[in-house]
Amino acid sequence: MLSVKERIDYCDLSEEDLKAIAEHEEIPEVLAAELGERLLKSDVGTWLIKRYIADDLDRAQLAGRDRRVEELRQVLENFAASHPTYELS
């Protein structure tokens, strides 16, 4: 059985990506790692992770959480650069 750290290290997502997924889905990071790992198997799933991060960013903007907004902008930029997909709109 994999430990939480091993599960997180195993997936192709950064710690910041996992935190954004966990925040969006309101789940622990270990479950976010499982979800993210499965979503990365398709363009639609990868696009969905981008939407999760963008939704988190929108919520942070509405709440006036400027520091979190900047963090999430960087997370989205890094994720998009390392996981390119077609734009699905």
N, C-alpha and C. Protein backbone atom coordinates (compact mmCIF):
# COMPACT_ATOMS: atom_id res chain seq x y z
N MET A 1 0.84 -1.18 0.00
CA MET A 1 0.00 0.00 0.00
C MET A 1 0.89 1.25 0.00
N LEU A 2 0.52 2.22 -0.79
CA LEU A 2 1.29 3.46 -0.87
C LEU A 2 0.96 4.39 0.28
N SER A 3 1.98 5.06 0.77
CA SER A 3 1.75 6.09 1.79
C SER A 3 1.17 7.33 1.12
N VAL A 4 0.69 8.25 1.92
CA VAL A 4 0.14 9.50 1.38
C VAL A 4 1.22 10.22 0.57
N LYS A 5 2.42 10.33 1.11
CA LYS A 5 3.51 11.03 0.41
C LYS A 5 3.85 10.32 -0.90
N GLU A 6 3.91 8.99 -0.88
CA GLU A 6 4.21 8.24 -2.09
C GLU A 6 3.12 8.43 -3.14
N ARG A 7 1.87 8.45 -2.72
CA ARG A 7 0.75 8.65 -3.64
C ARG A 7 0.86 10.02 -4.31
N ILE A 8 1.16 11.02 -3.51
CA ILE A 8 1.28 12.39 -4.03
C ILE A 8 2.49 12.49 -4.95
N ASP A 9 3.62 11.88 -4.55
CA ASP A 9 4.83 11.91 -5.38
C ASP A 9 4.65 11.15 -6.69
N TYR A 10 3.79 10.14 -6.68
CA TYR A 10 3.58 9.28 -7.83
C TYR A 10 2.85 9.99 -8.98
N CYS A 11 1.96 10.88 -8.66
CA CYS A 11 1.18 11.52 -9.72
C CYS A 11 2.00 12.63 -10.40
N ASP A 12 1.59 12.99 -11.58
CA ASP A 12 2.31 13.98 -12.38
C ASP A 12 1.77 15.38 -12.15
N LEU A 13 1.59 15.73 -10.88
CA LEU A 13 1.07 17.04 -10.51
C LEU A 13 1.97 17.64 -9.43
N SER A 14 2.07 18.95 -9.44
CA SER A 14 2.84 19.61 -8.39
C SER A 14 2.03 19.66 -7.11
N GLU A 15 2.69 19.94 -6.02
CA GLU A 15 1.99 20.08 -4.75
C GLU A 15 0.95 21.19 -4.83
N GLU A 16 1.27 22.26 -5.56
CA GLU A 16 0.34 23.37 -5.71
C GLU A 16 -0.88 22.96 -6.53
N ASP A 17 -0.66 22.14 -7.58
CA ASP A 17 -1.78 21.62 -8.37
C ASP A 17 -2.72 20.81 -7.47
N LEU A 18 -2.13 19.96 -6.65
CA LEU A 18 -2.93 19.12 -5.76
C LEU A 18 -3.72 19.94 -4.76
N LYS A 19 -3.08 20.98 -4.23
CA LYS A 19 -3.78 21.85 -3.28
C LYS A 19 -4.97 22.53 -3.95
N ALA A 20 -4.79 22.94 -5.22
CA ALA A 20 -5.89 23.59 -5.94
C ALA A 20 -7.04 22.62 -6.19
N ILE A 21 -6.71 21.38 -6.58
CA ILE A 21 -7.75 20.37 -6.79
C ILE A 21 -8.47 20.08 -5.48
N ALA A 22 -7.70 19.90 -4.42
CA ALA A 22 -8.27 19.61 -3.11
C ALA A 22 -9.17 20.76 -2.64
N GLU A 23 -8.72 22.00 -2.88
CA GLU A 23 -9.52 23.17 -2.50
C GLU A 23 -10.82 23.19 -3.28
N HIS A 24 -10.73 22.97 -4.57
CA HIS A 24 -11.91 23.03 -5.43
C HIS A 24 -12.93 21.95 -5.07
N GLU A 25 -12.43 20.74 -4.87
CA GLU A 25 -13.32 19.60 -4.62
C GLU A 25 -13.60 19.38 -3.13
N GLU A 26 -12.93 20.16 -2.29
CA GLU A 26 -13.09 20.06 -0.84
C GLU A 26 -12.82 18.63 -0.37
N ILE A 27 -11.65 18.12 -0.77
CA ILE A 27 -11.21 16.78 -0.41
C ILE A 27 -9.77 16.83 0.08
N PRO A 28 -9.31 15.80 0.80
CA PRO A 28 -7.91 15.75 1.22
C PRO A 28 -6.97 15.65 0.01
N GLU A 29 -5.72 16.09 0.20
CA GLU A 29 -4.76 16.07 -0.90
C GLU A 29 -4.50 14.67 -1.45
N VAL A 30 -4.53 13.65 -0.60
CA VAL A 30 -4.30 12.29 -1.10
C VAL A 30 -5.39 11.89 -2.09
N LEU A 31 -6.64 12.28 -1.83
CA LEU A 31 -7.71 12.01 -2.79
C LEU A 31 -7.58 12.88 -4.03
N ALA A 32 -7.11 14.10 -3.84
CA ALA A 32 -6.87 14.99 -4.98
C ALA A 32 -5.79 14.39 -5.89
N ALA A 33 -4.80 13.73 -5.30
CA ALA A 33 -3.76 13.08 -6.10
C ALA A 33 -4.35 11.96 -6.95
N GLU A 34 -5.22 11.16 -6.36
CA GLU A 34 -5.88 10.09 -7.11
C GLU A 34 -6.75 10.66 -8.22
N LEU A 35 -7.55 11.66 -7.87
CA LEU A 35 -8.42 12.28 -8.87
C LEU A 35 -7.60 12.90 -9.99
N GLY A 36 -6.59 13.67 -9.61
CA GLY A 36 -5.75 14.33 -10.61
C GLY A 36 -5.06 13.34 -11.52
N GLU A 37 -4.56 12.26 -10.94
CA GLU A 37 -3.89 11.22 -11.72
C GLU A 37 -4.83 10.65 -12.78
N ARG A 38 -6.06 10.42 -12.40
CA ARG A 38 -7.05 9.88 -13.35
C ARG A 38 -7.44 10.92 -14.41
N LEU A 39 -7.61 12.16 -13.97
CA LEU A 39 -8.01 13.20 -14.91
C LEU A 39 -6.93 13.49 -15.95
N LEU A 40 -5.66 13.34 -15.56
CA LEU A 40 -4.57 13.61 -16.50
C LEU A 40 -4.49 12.61 -17.65
N LYS A 41 -5.28 11.57 -17.60
CA LYS A 41 -5.24 10.54 -18.65
C LYS A 41 -5.97 10.96 -19.92
N SER A 42 -6.66 12.10 -19.88
CA SER A 42 -7.36 12.56 -21.09
C SER A 42 -7.26 14.08 -21.20
N ASP A 43 -7.43 14.57 -22.41
CA ASP A 43 -7.43 16.02 -22.63
C ASP A 43 -8.59 16.68 -21.88
N VAL A 44 -9.73 16.02 -21.86
CA VAL A 44 -10.89 16.58 -21.17
C VAL A 44 -10.59 16.68 -19.67
N GLY A 45 -10.00 15.64 -19.11
CA GLY A 45 -9.66 15.67 -17.69
C GLY A 45 -8.62 16.73 -17.37
N THR A 46 -7.63 16.87 -18.24
CA THR A 46 -6.61 17.90 -18.04
C THR A 46 -7.23 19.28 -18.12
N TRP A 47 -8.12 19.46 -19.08
CA TRP A 47 -8.85 20.74 -19.19
C TRP A 47 -9.65 21.00 -17.91
N LEU A 48 -10.25 19.95 -17.37
CA LEU A 48 -11.06 20.09 -16.16
C LEU A 48 -10.20 20.55 -14.98
N ILE A 49 -8.99 20.02 -14.87
CA ILE A 49 -8.09 20.49 -13.80
C ILE A 49 -7.81 21.98 -13.97
N LYS A 50 -7.60 22.41 -15.21
CA LYS A 50 -7.40 23.86 -15.46
C LYS A 50 -8.62 24.65 -15.00
N ARG A 51 -9.81 24.13 -15.26
CA ARG A 51 -11.04 24.80 -14.82
C ARG A 51 -11.11 24.86 -13.30
N TYR A 52 -10.73 23.78 -12.64
CA TYR A 52 -10.71 23.77 -11.17
C TYR A 52 -9.83 24.91 -10.65
N ILE A 53 -8.63 25.02 -11.22
CA ILE A 53 -7.70 26.06 -10.77
C ILE A 53 -8.27 27.44 -11.07
N ALA A 54 -8.84 27.61 -12.27
CA ALA A 54 -9.43 28.89 -12.65
C ALA A 54 -10.61 29.25 -11.74
N ASP A 55 -11.43 28.25 -11.40
CA ASP A 55 -12.55 28.50 -10.47
C ASP A 55 -12.04 28.94 -9.11
N ASP A 56 -10.99 28.26 -8.61
CA ASP A 56 -10.40 28.65 -7.33
C ASP A 56 -9.89 30.09 -7.40
N LEU A 57 -9.28 30.43 -8.51
CA LEU A 57 -8.77 31.79 -8.71
C LEU A 57 -9.90 32.81 -8.68
N ASP A 58 -10.99 32.50 -9.37
CA ASP A 58 -12.16 33.40 -9.38
C ASP A 58 -12.71 33.60 -7.97
N ARG A 59 -12.81 32.51 -7.22
CA ARG A 59 -13.31 32.62 -5.84
C ARG A 59 -12.39 33.45 -4.96
N ALA A 60 -11.09 33.28 -5.15
CA ALA A 60 -10.12 34.06 -4.37
C ALA A 60 -10.23 35.54 -4.72
N GLN A 61 -10.45 35.85 -6.01
CA GLN A 61 -10.63 37.25 -6.42
C GLN A 61 -11.87 37.85 -5.78
N LEU A 62 -12.97 37.11 -5.82
CA LEU A 62 -14.21 37.61 -5.23
C LEU A 62 -14.10 37.82 -3.73
N ALA A 63 -13.27 37.00 -3.08
CA ALA A 63 -13.09 37.11 -1.63
C ALA A 63 -12.02 38.14 -1.26
N GLY A 64 -11.38 38.72 -2.27
CA GLY A 64 -10.35 39.72 -2.00
C GLY A 64 -9.07 39.13 -1.42
N ARG A 65 -8.82 37.87 -1.71
CA ARG A 65 -7.63 37.20 -1.21
C ARG A 65 -6.49 37.36 -2.22
N ASP A 66 -5.90 38.55 -2.23
CA ASP A 66 -4.92 38.91 -3.25
C ASP A 66 -3.71 37.97 -3.31
N ARG A 67 -3.22 37.57 -2.15
CA ARG A 67 -2.07 36.67 -2.14
C ARG A 67 -2.42 35.34 -2.80
N ARG A 68 -3.59 34.80 -2.47
CA ARG A 68 -4.02 33.53 -3.06
C ARG A 68 -4.26 33.68 -4.56
N VAL A 69 -4.77 34.83 -4.98
CA VAL A 69 -4.98 35.09 -6.41
C VAL A 69 -3.65 34.96 -7.15
N GLU A 70 -2.61 35.60 -6.63
CA GLU A 70 -1.30 35.54 -7.29
C GLU A 70 -0.75 34.12 -7.29
N GLU A 71 -0.92 33.40 -6.17
CA GLU A 71 -0.46 32.01 -6.12
C GLU A 71 -1.17 31.17 -7.17
N LEU A 72 -2.47 31.32 -7.27
CA LEU A 72 -3.24 30.52 -8.22
C LEU A 72 -2.97 30.91 -9.67
N ARG A 73 -2.69 32.16 -9.92
CA ARG A 73 -2.30 32.56 -11.29
C ARG A 73 -1.03 31.83 -11.70
N GLN A 74 -0.08 31.75 -10.77
CA GLN A 74 1.17 31.04 -11.05
C GLN A 74 0.93 29.55 -11.22
N VAL A 75 0.08 28.98 -10.37
CA VAL A 75 -0.26 27.55 -10.48
C VAL A 75 -0.88 27.26 -11.84
N LEU A 76 -1.83 28.09 -12.26
CA LEU A 76 -2.50 27.89 -13.55
C LEU A 76 -1.51 28.03 -14.70
N GLU A 77 -0.66 29.02 -14.64
CA GLU A 77 0.35 29.23 -15.69
C GLU A 77 1.28 28.02 -15.78
N ASN A 78 1.77 27.55 -14.63
CA ASN A 78 2.69 26.40 -14.61
C ASN A 78 1.99 25.13 -15.09
N PHE A 79 0.75 24.93 -14.64
CA PHE A 79 0.02 23.74 -15.06
C PHE A 79 -0.21 23.75 -16.56
N ALA A 80 -0.65 24.89 -17.09
CA ALA A 80 -0.92 24.99 -18.52
C ALA A 80 0.35 24.75 -19.35
N ALA A 81 1.47 25.22 -18.84
CA ALA A 81 2.74 25.03 -19.56
C ALA A 81 3.18 23.57 -19.56
N SER A 82 2.94 22.87 -18.46
CA SER A 82 3.41 21.49 -18.37
C SER A 82 2.37 20.46 -18.82
N HIS A 83 1.12 20.90 -19.01
CA HIS A 83 0.05 20.00 -19.45
C HIS A 83 -0.80 20.67 -20.53
N PRO A 84 -0.23 20.88 -21.72
CA PRO A 84 -1.00 21.55 -22.79
C PRO A 84 -2.18 20.70 -23.25
N THR A 85 -3.27 21.37 -23.55
CA THR A 85 -4.46 20.70 -24.08
C THR A 85 -5.08 21.58 -25.15
N TYR A 86 -6.04 21.02 -25.84
CA TYR A 86 -6.85 21.81 -26.74
C TYR A 86 -7.77 22.66 -25.89
N GLU A 87 -8.11 23.83 -26.37
CA GLU A 87 -9.06 24.68 -25.65
C GLU A 87 -10.47 24.16 -25.92
N LEU A 88 -11.17 23.81 -24.88
CA LEU A 88 -12.51 23.25 -25.03
C LEU A 88 -13.62 24.27 -24.80
N SER A 89 -13.28 25.38 -24.20
CA SER A 89 -14.24 26.44 -23.84
C SER A 89 -15.40 25.90 -23.15
